[in-house]
């Protein structure tokens, strides 16, 4: 199927690596090699990057966190708690390293990226509980880390969007920590894959219906996807309107030619119906993972808007 991609994005497609998670171990090795070079070349000027380990969920290993601190900013600082994507099976803080450096500088905020356990070795709820444990430690260490606990935003991309929304639900239902804002980029929210975009986009770059099926099977366990008992903490599209009330304000961005597009749109509408302030943005001519084409005008606009939204939400 031919798609009306933005010309700058279309020109970059031949240079973008294919994502194939039919062999998870091979995909991890390939991604790690690609990311290592990017991280080594990253400009960290003005940012102190450190790695810490914090207590994980009860009975589970410690959770690694990567902290990005602006060197010249005066505290206490707002914080962005970032959750990387990767279909629940790939990734680490390296995925968003350049993005996190940019957010740290632009927002003069502490950016914390969580290195949660991956499926299928660690299916739901392990990755989500890791994300929640890291958020709790961020809020609990607010004084030590020079953070304003009332100015914490949660950010997530793709599968990280599912984990960000699940973390927001857990924080509400377990009585904290307080989240000021949730920023969701191309979030994966619905394991049922019944939306028009999920059915239509079987051949789109980076992410397609096959990868979406494989990722949910890995996260939920084979045979669970699409069944009646899937938890809204795993697939937040399963939550009813009443179950979404009381969540923090949200910004949801979706890409036009992305199998996840319509579930992000539907979730934004469900939040609005639940009385949650929400802004929805669809970027035309884009596909899942188009954020990687940083020079494209549409991505520059999307990035500027993301920064502006987070700056406003954090009071910067």
C-alpha atoms as a PDB file:
ATOM      1  CA  UNK A   1       0.000   0.000   0.000  1.00  0.00           C
ATOM      2  CA  UNK A   2       1.285   3.446  -0.885  1.00  0.00           C
ATOM      3  CA  UNK A   3       1.077   6.078   1.820  1.00  0.00           C
ATOM      4  CA  UNK A   4       1.271   9.851   1.479  1.00  0.00           C
ATOM      5  CA  UNK A   5       4.367  10.286   3.613  1.00  0.00           C
ATOM      6  CA  UNK A   6       5.830  13.708   4.199  1.00  0.00           C
ATOM      7  CA  UNK A   7       8.510  14.118   1.485  1.00  0.00           C
ATOM      8  CA  UNK A   8      11.358  14.675   3.950  1.00  0.00           C
ATOM      9  CA  UNK A   9      10.353  11.575   5.900  1.00  0.00           C
ATOM     10  CA  UNK A  10       9.979   9.520   2.733  1.00  0.00           C
ATOM     11  CA  UNK A  11      13.487  10.499   1.663  1.00  0.00           C
ATOM     12  CA  UNK A  12      14.892   9.272   4.979  1.00  0.00           C
ATOM     13  CA  UNK A  13      13.152   5.886   4.909  1.00  0.00           C
ATOM     14  CA  UNK A  14      15.918   3.999   3.040  1.00  0.00           C
ATOM     15  CA  UNK A  15      18.320   4.941   5.851  1.00  0.00           C
ATOM     16  CA  UNK A  16      16.077   3.746   8.676  1.00  0.00           C
ATOM     17  CA  UNK A  17      16.679   0.222  10.014  1.00  0.00           C
ATOM     18  CA  UNK A  18      13.809  -2.228   9.816  1.00  0.00           C
ATOM     19  CA  UNK A  19      12.290  -3.269  13.126  1.00  0.00           C
ATOM     20  CA  UNK A  20      11.596  -6.997  13.220  1.00  0.00           C
ATOM     21  CA  UNK A  21      10.825  -8.545  16.593  1.00  0.00           C
ATOM     22  CA  UNK A  22      10.111 -12.062  15.372  1.00  0.00           C
ATOM     23  CA  UNK A  23      13.580 -12.856  16.778  1.00  0.00           C
ATOM     24  CA  UNK A  24      13.780 -10.727  19.920  1.00  0.00           C
ATOM     25  CA  UNK A  25      17.382 -11.563  20.792  1.00  0.00           C
ATOM     26  CA  UNK A  26      18.628 -10.681  17.315  1.00  0.00           C
ATOM     27  CA  UNK A  27      16.624  -7.450  17.389  1.00  0.00           C
ATOM     28  CA  UNK A  28      18.158  -6.513  20.750  1.00  0.00           C
ATOM     29  CA  UNK A  29      21.688  -7.126  19.529  1.00  0.00           C
ATOM     30  CA  UNK A  30      21.074  -5.080  16.391  1.00  0.00           C
ATOM     31  CA  UNK A  31      19.516  -2.194  18.295  1.00  0.00           C
ATOM     32  CA  UNK A  32      22.229  -2.153  20.955  1.00  0.00           C
ATOM     33  CA  UNK A  33      24.903  -1.832  18.287  1.00  0.00           C
ATOM     34  CA  UNK A  34      23.104   1.048  16.607  1.00  0.00           C
ATOM     35  CA  UNK A  35      22.500   2.882  19.867  1.00  0.00           C
ATOM     36  CA  UNK A  36      26.009   2.468  21.250  1.00  0.00           C
ATOM     37  CA  UNK A  37      27.486   4.617  18.493  1.00  0.00           C
ATOM     38  CA  UNK A  38      24.819   7.292  18.931  1.00  0.00           C
ATOM     39  CA  UNK A  39      25.270   7.476  22.692  1.00  0.00           C
ATOM     40  CA  UNK A  40      29.052   7.645  22.362  1.00  0.00           C
ATOM     41  CA  UNK A  41      28.709  10.559  19.922  1.00  0.00           C
ATOM     42  CA  UNK A  42      26.087  12.462  21.937  1.00  0.00           C
ATOM     43  CA  UNK A  43      26.901  15.979  23.074  1.00  0.00           C
ATOM     44  CA  UNK A  44      26.402  16.112  26.837  1.00  0.00           C
ATOM     45  CA  UNK A  45      27.572  19.701  27.229  1.00  0.00           C
ATOM     46  CA  UNK A  46      25.783  21.370  30.113  1.00  0.00           C
ATOM     47  CA  UNK A  47      24.266  18.126  31.412  1.00  0.00           C
ATOM     48  CA  UNK A  48      25.479  15.806  34.153  1.00  0.00           C
ATOM     49  CA  UNK A  49      24.498  12.234  33.297  1.00  0.00           C
ATOM     50  CA  UNK A  50      24.596   9.668  36.091  1.00  0.00           C
ATOM     51  CA  UNK A  51      23.362   6.134  36.643  1.00  0.00           C
ATOM     52  CA  UNK A  52      21.760   4.981  39.896  1.00  0.00           C
ATOM     53  CA  UNK A  53      19.963   1.872  41.077  1.00  0.00           C
ATOM     54  CA  UNK A  54      16.927   2.144  43.335  1.00  0.00           C
ATOM     55  CA  UNK A  55      14.875  -0.482  45.163  1.00  0.00           C
ATOM     56  CA  UNK A  56      12.533  -2.326  42.840  1.00  0.00           C
ATOM     57  CA  UNK A  57       9.164  -3.928  43.544  1.00  0.00           C
ATOM     58  CA  UNK A  58       9.051  -6.293  46.504  1.00  0.00           C
ATOM     59  CA  UNK A  59      11.025  -9.415  45.720  1.00  0.00           C
ATOM     60  CA  UNK A  60      12.364  -8.004  42.439  1.00  0.00           C
ATOM     61  CA  UNK A  61      15.799  -6.636  41.468  1.00  0.00           C
ATOM     62  CA  UNK A  62      16.776  -3.011  41.846  1.00  0.00           C
ATOM     63  CA  UNK A  63      15.639  -0.695  39.057  1.00  0.00           C
ATOM     64  CA  UNK A  64      18.331   1.209  37.105  1.00  0.00           C
ATOM     65  CA  UNK A  65      17.636   4.887  36.480  1.00  0.00           C
ATOM     66  CA  UNK A  66      19.574   7.337  34.336  1.00  0.00           C
ATOM     67  CA  UNK A  67      19.527  10.927  35.598  1.00  0.00           C
ATOM     68  CA  UNK A  68      20.085  13.982  33.404  1.00  0.00           C
ATOM     69  CA  UNK A  69      20.730  17.130  35.441  1.00  0.00           C
ATOM     70  CA  UNK A  70      21.229  20.612  33.965  1.00  0.00           C
ATOM     71  CA  UNK A  71      24.516  21.902  35.366  1.00  0.00           C
ATOM     72  CA  UNK A  72      23.656  25.587  35.592  1.00  0.00           C
ATOM     73  CA  UNK A  73      20.016  25.436  36.649  1.00  0.00           C
ATOM     74  CA  UNK A  74      19.112  26.430  40.156  1.00  0.00           C
ATOM     75  CA  UNK A  75      16.948  24.041  42.136  1.00  0.00           C
ATOM     76  CA  UNK A  76      14.720  22.681  43.250  1.00  0.00           C
ATOM     77  CA  UNK A  77      13.925  21.556  39.706  1.00  0.00           C
ATOM     78  CA  UNK A  78      10.850  20.134  38.016  1.00  0.00           C
ATOM     79  CA  UNK A  79      11.301  16.597  36.724  1.00  0.00           C
ATOM     80  CA  UNK A  80      10.375  14.583  33.654  1.00  0.00           C
ATOM     81  CA  UNK A  81      10.105  10.849  34.241  1.00  0.00           C
ATOM     82  CA  UNK A  82      10.745   9.228  30.868  1.00  0.00           C
ATOM     83  CA  UNK A  83       9.731   5.713  29.787  1.00  0.00           C
ATOM     84  CA  UNK A  84      11.272   4.460  26.548  1.00  0.00           C
ATOM     85  CA  UNK A  85       9.499   2.497  23.846  1.00  0.00           C
ATOM     86  CA  UNK A  86      10.466  -0.731  22.133  1.00  0.00           C
ATOM     87  CA  UNK A  87       7.378  -2.887  21.920  1.00  0.00           C
ATOM     88  CA  UNK A  88       7.855  -4.024  25.539  1.00  0.00           C
ATOM     89  CA  UNK A  89      10.724  -6.246  24.319  1.00  0.00           C
ATOM     90  CA  UNK A  90      13.477  -3.837  23.208  1.00  0.00           C
ATOM     91  CA  UNK A  91      15.250  -0.786  24.477  1.00  0.00           C
ATOM     92  CA  UNK A  92      16.951   0.949  27.357  1.00  0.00           C
ATOM     93  CA  UNK A  93      17.520   4.583  28.318  1.00  0.00           C
ATOM     94  CA  UNK A  94      19.896   4.700  25.329  1.00  0.00           C
ATOM     95  CA  UNK A  95      16.834   4.822  23.039  1.00  0.00           C
ATOM     96  CA  UNK A  96      15.947   8.324  24.210  1.00  0.00           C
ATOM     97  CA  UNK A  97      19.414   9.558  25.166  1.00  0.00           C
ATOM     98  CA  UNK A  98      19.529  12.500  22.727  1.00  0.00           C
ATOM     99  CA  UNK A  99      15.893  13.364  23.456  1.00  0.00           C
ATOM    100  CA  UNK A 100      16.500  13.346  27.209  1.00  0.00           C
ATOM    101  CA  UNK A 101      19.573  15.548  26.847  1.00  0.00           C
ATOM    102  CA  UNK A 102      17.491  17.996  24.807  1.00  0.00           C
ATOM    103  CA  UNK A 103      14.637  18.029  27.331  1.00  0.00           C
ATOM    104  CA  UNK A 104      17.061  18.539  30.199  1.00  0.00           C
ATOM    105  CA  UNK A 105      18.606  21.590  28.520  1.00  0.00           C
ATOM    106  CA  UNK A 106      15.410  23.105  27.136  1.00  0.00           C
ATOM    107  CA  UNK A 107      13.322  22.668  30.283  1.00  0.00           C
ATOM    108  CA  UNK A 108      16.084  23.106  32.854  1.00  0.00           C
ATOM    109  CA  UNK A 109      14.609  20.061  34.525  1.00  0.00           C
ATOM    110  CA  UNK A 110      15.881  16.804  35.949  1.00  0.00           C
ATOM    111  CA  UNK A 111      15.098  14.067  33.434  1.00  0.00           C
ATOM    112  CA  UNK A 112      14.942  10.532  34.790  1.00  0.00           C
ATOM    113  CA  UNK A 113      14.858   7.570  32.396  1.00  0.00           C
ATOM    114  CA  UNK A 114      13.856   4.176  33.779  1.00  0.00           C
ATOM    115  CA  UNK A 115      15.506   0.943  32.585  1.00  0.00           C
ATOM    116  CA  UNK A 116      12.586  -1.404  33.214  1.00  0.00           C
ATOM    117  CA  UNK A 117      12.700  -5.172  32.740  1.00  0.00           C
ATOM    118  CA  UNK A 118      11.679  -6.411  29.303  1.00  0.00           C
ATOM    119  CA  UNK A 119       9.201  -8.986  28.058  1.00  0.00           C
ATOM    120  CA  UNK A 120       8.861 -11.823  27.232  1.00  0.00           C
ATOM    121  CA  UNK A 121      11.254 -12.811  30.037  1.00  0.00           C
ATOM    122  CA  UNK A 122       9.452 -10.368  32.332  1.00  0.00           C
ATOM    123  CA  UNK A 123       5.811  -9.985  31.239  1.00  0.00           C
ATOM    124  CA  UNK A 124       3.161  -7.739  32.762  1.00  0.00           C
ATOM    125  CA  UNK A 125       3.125  -6.552  35.503  1.00  0.00           C
ATOM    126  CA  UNK A 126       6.929  -6.628  35.985  1.00  0.00           C
ATOM    127  CA  UNK A 127       7.833  -3.772  33.579  1.00  0.00           C
ATOM    128  CA  UNK A 128       5.014  -1.605  34.908  1.00  0.00           C
ATOM    129  CA  UNK A 129       5.940  -2.251  38.537  1.00  0.00           C
ATOM    130  CA  UNK A 130       9.541  -1.279  37.738  1.00  0.00           C
ATOM    131  CA  UNK A 131       8.302   1.989  36.251  1.00  0.00           C
ATOM    132  CA  UNK A 132       6.150   2.683  39.288  1.00  0.00           C
ATOM    133  CA  UNK A 133       8.993   1.855  41.680  1.00  0.00           C
ATOM    134  CA  UNK A 134      11.271   4.293  39.866  1.00  0.00           C
ATOM    135  CA  UNK A 135       8.643   7.033  40.037  1.00  0.00           C
ATOM    136  CA  UNK A 136       8.185   6.430  43.757  1.00  0.00           C
ATOM    137  CA  UNK A 137      11.917   6.742  44.326  1.00  0.00           C
ATOM    138  CA  UNK A 138      12.070   9.953  42.290  1.00  0.00           C
ATOM    139  CA  UNK A 139       9.333  11.502  44.407  1.00  0.00           C
ATOM    140  CA  UNK A 140      10.734  10.035  47.624  1.00  0.00           C
ATOM    141  CA  UNK A 141      14.213  11.385  46.884  1.00  0.00           C
ATOM    142  CA  UNK A 142      12.906  14.819  45.881  1.00  0.00           C
ATOM    143  CA  UNK A 143      14.837  16.677  48.557  1.00  0.00           C
ATOM    144  CA  UNK A 144      18.060  14.730  47.998  1.00  0.00           C
ATOM    145  CA  UNK A 145      17.858  15.039  44.219  1.00  0.00           C
ATOM    146  CA  UNK A 146      16.774  18.683  44.273  1.00  0.00           C
ATOM    147  CA  UNK A 147      13.355  18.055  42.728  1.00  0.00           C
ATOM    148  CA  UNK A 148       9.992  19.704  43.257  1.00  0.00           C
ATOM    149  CA  UNK A 149       7.683  16.762  44.017  1.00  0.00           C
ATOM    150  CA  UNK A 150       4.674  18.780  42.859  1.00  0.00           C
ATOM    151  CA  UNK A 151       6.229  19.311  39.407  1.00  0.00           C
ATOM    152  CA  UNK A 152       6.749  15.800  38.038  1.00  0.00           C
ATOM    153  CA  UNK A 153       5.595  14.937  34.509  1.00  0.00           C
ATOM    154  CA  UNK A 154       5.534  11.421  33.091  1.00  0.00           C
ATOM    155  CA  UNK A 155       6.568  10.996  29.462  1.00  0.00           C
ATOM    156  CA  UNK A 156       6.291   7.848  27.350  1.00  0.00           C
ATOM    157  CA  UNK A 157       6.641   6.845  23.713  1.00  0.00           C
ATOM    158  CA  UNK A 158       4.961   3.821  22.059  1.00  0.00           C
ATOM    159  CA  UNK A 159       5.127   0.939  24.556  1.00  0.00           C
ATOM    160  CA  UNK A 160       6.499   3.547  26.935  1.00  0.00           C
ATOM    161  CA  UNK A 161       3.178   5.332  26.466  1.00  0.00           C
ATOM    162  CA  UNK A 162       1.351   2.249  27.722  1.00  0.00           C
ATOM    163  CA  UNK A 163       3.684   2.090  30.719  1.00  0.00           C
ATOM    164  CA  UNK A 164       3.316   5.828  31.359  1.00  0.00           C
ATOM    165  CA  UNK A 165      -0.474   5.603  31.385  1.00  0.00           C
ATOM    166  CA  UNK A 166      -0.340   2.475  33.540  1.00  0.00           C
ATOM    167  CA  UNK A 167       2.011   4.264  35.938  1.00  0.00           C
ATOM    168  CA  UNK A 168      -0.386   7.204  36.148  1.00  0.00           C
ATOM    169  CA  UNK A 169      -3.245   4.821  36.946  1.00  0.00           C
ATOM    170  CA  UNK A 170      -1.197   3.086  39.650  1.00  0.00           C
ATOM    171  CA  UNK A 171      -0.130   6.400  41.172  1.00  0.00           C
ATOM    172  CA  UNK A 172      -3.738   7.501  41.412  1.00  0.00           C
ATOM    173  CA  UNK A 173      -5.019   4.209  42.775  1.00  0.00           C
ATOM    174  CA  UNK A 174      -2.191   3.669  45.266  1.00  0.00           C
ATOM    175  CA  UNK A 175      -2.302   7.210  46.598  1.00  0.00           C
ATOM    176  CA  UNK A 176       0.752   8.700  44.969  1.00  0.00           C
ATOM    177  CA  UNK A 177       3.208   9.951  43.929  1.00  0.00           C
ATOM    178  CA  UNK A 178       1.495  13.005  42.510  1.00  0.00           C
ATOM    179  CA  UNK A 179       1.902  13.366  38.744  1.00  0.00           C
ATOM    180  CA  UNK A 180       1.387  16.846  37.352  1.00  0.00           C
ATOM    181  CA  UNK A 181       1.121  15.880  33.675  1.00  0.00           C
ATOM    182  CA  UNK A 182       1.274  12.908  31.299  1.00  0.00           C
ATOM    183  CA  UNK A 183       2.824  13.327  27.862  1.00  0.00           C
ATOM    184  CA  UNK A 184       2.109  10.401  25.528  1.00  0.00           C
ATOM    185  CA  UNK A 185       3.705  10.007  22.085  1.00  0.00           C
ATOM    186  CA  UNK A 186       2.231   7.382  19.735  1.00  0.00           C
ATOM    187  CA  UNK A 187       1.127   5.349  22.751  1.00  0.00           C
ATOM    188  CA  UNK A 188       0.405   1.619  22.532  1.00  0.00           C
ATOM    189  CA  UNK A 189      -2.792   1.291  24.525  1.00  0.00           C
ATOM    190  CA  UNK A 190      -5.052  -1.423  23.097  1.00  0.00           C
ATOM    191  CA  UNK A 191      -4.094  -5.091  22.851  1.00  0.00           C
ATOM    192  CA  UNK A 192      -7.264  -5.889  20.867  1.00  0.00           C
ATOM    193  CA  UNK A 193      -5.910  -4.224  17.681  1.00  0.00           C
ATOM    194  CA  UNK A 194      -9.430  -3.701  16.313  1.00  0.00           C
ATOM    195  CA  UNK A 195      -9.217  -0.021  15.382  1.00  0.00           C
ATOM    196  CA  UNK A 196      -9.252   0.966  11.700  1.00  0.00           C
ATOM    197  CA  UNK A 197      -5.578   1.978  11.780  1.00  0.00           C
ATOM    198  CA  UNK A 198      -4.555  -1.268  13.505  1.00  0.00           C
ATOM    199  CA  UNK A 199      -6.340  -3.269  10.802  1.00  0.00           C
ATOM    200  CA  UNK A 200      -5.172  -1.118   7.884  1.00  0.00           C
ATOM    201  CA  UNK A 201      -1.482  -0.489   8.469  1.00  0.00           C
ATOM    202  CA  UNK A 202       0.141  -3.851   7.862  1.00  0.00           C
ATOM    203  CA  UNK A 203       3.061  -2.560   5.792  1.00  0.00           C
ATOM    204  CA  UNK A 204       4.016   0.731   7.441  1.00  0.00           C
ATOM    205  CA  UNK A 205       7.655   1.517   8.297  1.00  0.00           C
ATOM    206  CA  UNK A 206       9.147   0.796  11.729  1.00  0.00           C
ATOM    207  CA  UNK A 207       5.891  -0.503  13.216  1.00  0.00           C
ATOM    208  CA  UNK A 208       3.040  -2.493  11.729  1.00  0.00           C
ATOM    209  CA  UNK A 209       0.239  -4.843  12.732  1.00  0.00           C
ATOM    210  CA  UNK A 210       2.543  -7.871  12.915  1.00  0.00           C
ATOM    211  CA  UNK A 211       4.933  -6.167  15.315  1.00  0.00           C
ATOM    212  CA  UNK A 212       2.020  -4.908  17.392  1.00  0.00           C
ATOM    213  CA  UNK A 213       0.663  -8.450  17.752  1.00  0.00           C
ATOM    214  CA  UNK A 214       4.055  -9.828  18.708  1.00  0.00           C
ATOM    215  CA  UNK A 215       4.686  -7.094  21.270  1.00  0.00           C
ATOM    216  CA  UNK A 216       1.360  -7.584  23.055  1.00  0.00           C
ATOM    217  CA  UNK A 217       1.838 -11.370  23.041  1.00  0.00           C
ATOM    218  CA  UNK A 218       5.217 -10.890  24.681  1.00  0.00           C
ATOM    219  CA  UNK A 219       3.925  -8.431  27.284  1.00  0.00           C
ATOM    220  CA  UNK A 220       0.695 -10.197  28.223  1.00  0.00           C
ATOM    221  CA  UNK A 221       1.672 -13.796  27.513  1.00  0.00           C
ATOM    222  CA  UNK A 222       0.740 -15.841  24.492  1.00  0.00           C
ATOM    223  CA  UNK A 223      -2.994 -16.382  24.134  1.00  0.00           C
ATOM    224  CA  UNK A 224      -3.967 -13.500  26.423  1.00  0.00           C
ATOM    225  CA  UNK A 225      -4.093 -10.648  23.888  1.00  0.00           C
ATOM    226  CA  UNK A 226      -7.666  -9.735  22.982  1.00  0.00           C
ATOM    227  CA  UNK A 227      -9.283 -11.808  25.719  1.00  0.00           C
ATOM    228  CA  UNK A 228     -11.739 -10.430  28.250  1.00  0.00           C
ATOM    229  CA  UNK A 229      -9.497 -10.383  31.306  1.00  0.00           C
ATOM    230  CA  UNK A 230      -6.740  -8.000  30.237  1.00  0.00           C
ATOM    231  CA  UNK A 231      -6.028  -5.416  32.936  1.00  0.00           C
ATOM    232  CA  UNK A 232      -6.442  -1.696  32.188  1.00  0.00           C
ATOM    233  CA  UNK A 233      -3.094  -1.226  33.921  1.00  0.00           C
ATOM    234  CA  UNK A 234      -1.576  -3.218  31.036  1.00  0.00           C
ATOM    235  CA  UNK A 235      -3.745  -1.935  28.193  1.00  0.00           C
ATOM    236  CA  UNK A 236      -5.262   1.384  29.324  1.00  0.00           C
ATOM    237  CA  UNK A 237      -7.733   1.423  26.426  1.00  0.00           C
ATOM    238  CA  UNK A 238      -9.551  -1.258  28.436  1.00  0.00           C
ATOM    239  CA  UNK A 239     -10.403   1.299  31.127  1.00  0.00           C
ATOM    240  CA  UNK A 240     -13.930   2.669  31.156  1.00  0.00           C
ATOM    241  CA  UNK A 241     -14.620   6.373  31.387  1.00  0.00           C
ATOM    242  CA  UNK A 242     -15.220   6.203  35.128  1.00  0.00           C
ATOM    243  CA  UNK A 243     -11.903   4.407  35.594  1.00  0.00           C
ATOM    244  CA  UNK A 244     -10.065   7.314  33.944  1.00  0.00           C
ATOM    245  CA  UNK A 245     -11.394  10.099  36.138  1.00  0.00           C
ATOM    246  CA  UNK A 246      -8.893  11.796  38.403  1.00  0.00           C
ATOM    247  CA  UNK A 247      -5.904  11.245  36.128  1.00  0.00           C
ATOM    248  CA  UNK A 248      -3.480  14.116  35.483  1.00  0.00           C
ATOM    249  CA  UNK A 249      -3.905  16.355  32.434  1.00  0.00           C
ATOM    250  CA  UNK A 250      -2.520  14.858  29.242  1.00  0.00           C
ATOM    251  CA  UNK A 251      -1.075  15.610  25.844  1.00  0.00           C
ATOM    252  CA  UNK A 252      -1.430  12.823  23.267  1.00  0.00           C
ATOM    253  CA  UNK A 253       0.358  12.947  19.920  1.00  0.00           C
ATOM    254  CA  UNK A 254      -0.190  10.411  17.149  1.00  0.00           C
ATOM    255  CA  UNK A 255       1.290   9.781  13.713  1.00  0.00           C
ATOM    256  CA  UNK A 256      -0.927   9.576  10.641  1.00  0.00           C
ATOM    257  CA  UNK A 257       0.281   6.275   9.146  1.00  0.00           C
ATOM    258  CA  UNK A 258       0.701   4.299  12.357  1.00  0.00           C
ATOM    259  CA  UNK A 259      -1.283   1.235  13.447  1.00  0.00           C
ATOM    260  CA  UNK A 260      -1.408   2.813  16.922  1.00  0.00           C
ATOM    261  CA  UNK A 261      -2.962   6.063  15.671  1.00  0.00           C
ATOM    262  CA  UNK A 262      -6.620   5.391  16.393  1.00  0.00           C
ATOM    263  CA  UNK A 263      -6.135   3.926  19.864  1.00  0.00           C
ATOM    264  CA  UNK A 264      -4.288   7.095  20.850  1.00  0.00           C
ATOM    265  CA  UNK A 265      -7.119   9.205  19.450  1.00  0.00           C
ATOM    266  CA  UNK A 266      -9.733   7.092  21.229  1.00  0.00           C
ATOM    267  CA  UNK A 267      -7.856   7.306  24.517  1.00  0.00           C
ATOM    268  CA  UNK A 268      -7.669  11.087  24.306  1.00  0.00           C
ATOM    269  CA  UNK A 269     -11.430  11.226  23.738  1.00  0.00           C
ATOM    270  CA  UNK A 270     -12.008   8.852  26.664  1.00  0.00           C
ATOM    271  CA  UNK A 271      -9.895  11.036  28.939  1.00  0.00           C
ATOM    272  CA  UNK A 272     -11.876  14.076  27.877  1.00  0.00           C
ATOM    273  CA  UNK A 273     -15.153  12.244  28.554  1.00  0.00           C
ATOM    274  CA  UNK A 274     -13.815  11.425  32.024  1.00  0.00           C
ATOM    275  CA  UNK A 275     -13.217  15.112  32.712  1.00  0.00           C
ATOM    276  CA  UNK A 276      -9.429  14.971  32.279  1.00  0.00           C
ATOM    277  CA  UNK A 277      -7.963  17.992  30.457  1.00  0.00           C
ATOM    278  CA  UNK A 278      -6.355  16.651  27.293  1.00  0.00           C
ATOM    279  CA  UNK A 279      -4.813  17.960  24.092  1.00  0.00           C
ATOM    280  CA  UNK A 280      -4.710  15.696  21.039  1.00  0.00           C
ATOM    281  CA  UNK A 281      -2.357  16.263  18.105  1.00  0.00           C
ATOM    282  CA  UNK A 282      -2.085  14.314  14.849  1.00  0.00           C
ATOM    283  CA  UNK A 283       1.002  14.990  12.730  1.00  0.00           C
ATOM    284  CA  UNK A 284       0.265  14.550   9.000  1.00  0.00           C
ATOM    285  CA  UNK A 285       2.419  12.473   6.699  1.00  0.00           C
ATOM    286  CA  UNK A 286       4.177  10.765   9.576  1.00  0.00           C
ATOM    287  CA  UNK A 287       4.716   7.169  10.625  1.00  0.00           C
ATOM    288  CA  UNK A 288       5.593   5.417  13.875  1.00  0.00           C
ATOM    289  CA  UNK A 289       9.162   6.273  14.836  1.00  0.00           C
ATOM    290  CA  UNK A 290       9.323   9.316  12.558  1.00  0.00           C
ATOM    291  CA  UNK A 291      10.772  11.208  15.535  1.00  0.00           C
ATOM    292  CA  UNK A 292      14.146   9.744  14.497  1.00  0.00           C
ATOM    293  CA  UNK A 293      14.167  11.972  11.392  1.00  0.00           C
ATOM    294  CA  UNK A 294      15.077  15.032  13.420  1.00  0.00           C
ATOM    295  CA  UNK A 295      15.793  17.329  10.456  1.00  0.00           C
ATOM    296  CA  UNK A 296      12.317  16.955   8.898  1.00  0.00           C
ATOM    297  CA  UNK A 297      10.190  20.081   9.274  1.00  0.00           C
ATOM    298  CA  UNK A 298       7.196  18.179  10.647  1.00  0.00           C
ATOM    299  CA  UNK A 299       9.382  16.576  13.319  1.00  0.00           C
ATOM    300  CA  UNK A 300      10.966  19.896  14.219  1.00  0.00           C
ATOM    301  CA  UNK A 301       7.467  21.276  14.706  1.00  0.00           C
ATOM    302  CA  UNK A 302       6.449  18.236  16.759  1.00  0.00           C
ATOM    303  CA  UNK A 303       9.543  18.563  18.930  1.00  0.00           C
ATOM    304  CA  UNK A 304       9.031  22.272  19.506  1.00  0.00           C
ATOM    305  CA  UNK A 305       5.422  21.626  20.474  1.00  0.00           C
ATOM    306  CA  UNK A 306       6.386  18.799  22.839  1.00  0.00           C
ATOM    307  CA  UNK A 307       8.890  21.039  24.595  1.00  0.00           C
ATOM    308  CA  UNK A 308       6.403  23.907  24.801  1.00  0.00           C
ATOM    309  CA  UNK A 309       3.711  21.653  26.243  1.00  0.00           C
ATOM    310  CA  UNK A 310       6.022  20.233  28.886  1.00  0.00           C
ATOM    311  CA  UNK A 311       7.390  23.691  29.711  1.00  0.00           C
ATOM    312  CA  UNK A 312       3.880  24.952  30.333  1.00  0.00           C
ATOM    313  CA  UNK A 313       2.884  21.891  32.345  1.00  0.00           C
ATOM    314  CA  UNK A 314       5.968  22.162  34.567  1.00  0.00           C
ATOM    315  CA  UNK A 315       5.662  25.900  35.048  1.00  0.00           C
ATOM    316  CA  UNK A 316       8.904  26.700  33.246  1.00  0.00           C
END
